[in-house]
């Protein structure tokens, strides 16, 4: 089950804002574990690492780092993401 589709104004492949990410997560149990699903060709779950702000020449950007592999991405999740072979 997809917990929350992308924000209506966010391109599925484009950048999201911090506010859009918060809106996608706010209705879920705050104790629910969160992992990153990174690559459809190597379908693993990854831990979320450091989250930081960088003030660059084009303005500020937030970055979410990956902090190591956790486990295989379940087949059902792969299918829901459209990552089936």
Protein backbone atom coordinates (compact mmCIF):
# COMPACT_ATOMS: atom_id res chain seq x y z
CA UNK A 1 0.00 0.00 0.00
CA UNK A 2 1.36 3.41 -0.92
CA UNK A 3 1.09 5.48 2.24
CA UNK A 4 0.81 8.81 0.50
CA UNK A 5 1.13 9.69 -3.18
CA UNK A 6 3.45 12.53 -4.15
CA UNK A 7 2.18 16.01 -3.32
CA UNK A 8 -0.22 17.19 -6.02
CA UNK A 9 2.17 19.94 -7.13
CA UNK A 10 5.31 17.79 -7.08
CA UNK A 11 6.64 16.02 -10.14
CA UNK A 12 7.29 12.38 -9.13
CA UNK A 13 10.85 12.79 -10.42
CA UNK A 14 11.39 16.41 -9.44
CA UNK A 15 12.44 17.99 -6.19
CA UNK A 16 10.13 18.11 -3.23
CA UNK A 17 10.15 20.72 -0.53
CA UNK A 18 10.58 20.03 3.18
CA UNK A 19 6.92 21.03 3.59
CA UNK A 20 5.77 18.54 0.94
CA UNK A 21 7.75 15.75 2.58
CA UNK A 22 6.30 16.60 6.00
CA UNK A 23 2.78 16.69 4.52
CA UNK A 24 3.30 13.21 3.03
CA UNK A 25 4.40 11.80 6.39
CA UNK A 26 2.30 13.71 8.93
CA UNK A 27 -0.72 11.38 8.98
CA UNK A 28 1.35 8.28 9.77
CA UNK A 29 2.32 6.78 13.10
CA UNK A 30 5.43 8.71 14.24
CA UNK A 31 6.94 5.42 15.46
CA UNK A 32 6.68 3.79 12.01
CA UNK A 33 10.18 2.91 10.74
CA UNK A 34 11.27 4.76 7.60
CA UNK A 35 13.73 3.46 5.02
CA UNK A 36 14.89 4.62 1.61
CA UNK A 37 14.17 2.52 -1.49
CA UNK A 38 17.02 3.64 -3.73
CA UNK A 39 17.49 1.66 -6.93
CA UNK A 40 15.06 -0.57 -8.87
CA UNK A 41 17.95 -2.63 -10.25
CA UNK A 42 19.38 -3.33 -6.77
CA UNK A 43 16.17 -3.35 -4.67
CA UNK A 44 17.32 -2.93 -1.10
CA UNK A 45 16.12 -0.79 1.76
CA UNK A 46 18.57 1.70 3.21
CA UNK A 47 18.79 3.54 6.51
CA UNK A 48 18.28 7.29 6.57
CA UNK A 49 21.41 9.10 7.68
CA UNK A 50 22.30 12.70 8.30
CA UNK A 51 19.85 15.37 7.19
CA UNK A 52 21.47 18.71 6.53
CA UNK A 53 20.96 22.10 4.93
CA UNK A 54 23.39 23.47 2.38
CA UNK A 55 23.38 27.14 1.39
CA UNK A 56 24.64 27.12 -2.18
CA UNK A 57 24.87 29.67 -4.97
CA UNK A 58 21.27 28.99 -6.04
CA UNK A 59 19.79 29.05 -2.54
CA UNK A 60 19.37 26.63 0.32
CA UNK A 61 18.73 22.92 -0.19
CA UNK A 62 18.05 20.12 2.30
CA UNK A 63 19.82 16.79 1.78
CA UNK A 64 18.94 13.38 3.22
CA UNK A 65 21.91 11.03 3.30
CA UNK A 66 21.75 7.27 2.97
CA UNK A 67 23.38 5.48 5.93
CA UNK A 68 23.85 1.89 4.88
CA UNK A 69 21.89 -1.03 3.54
CA UNK A 70 19.22 -2.56 5.75
CA UNK A 71 17.55 -5.43 3.88
CA UNK A 72 16.01 -6.56 0.62
CA UNK A 73 13.09 -4.44 -0.57
CA UNK A 74 9.94 -6.62 -0.28
CA UNK A 75 8.55 -7.81 -3.62
CA UNK A 76 5.18 -6.20 -2.87
CA UNK A 77 6.86 -2.83 -2.34
CA UNK A 78 8.85 -3.22 -5.56
CA UNK A 79 5.61 -3.89 -7.40
CA UNK A 80 3.85 -0.89 -5.82
CA UNK A 81 6.75 1.32 -6.90
CA UNK A 82 6.58 -0.07 -10.43
CA UNK A 83 10.01 -1.66 -10.04
CA UNK A 84 9.07 -5.18 -11.11
CA UNK A 85 11.37 -6.77 -13.71
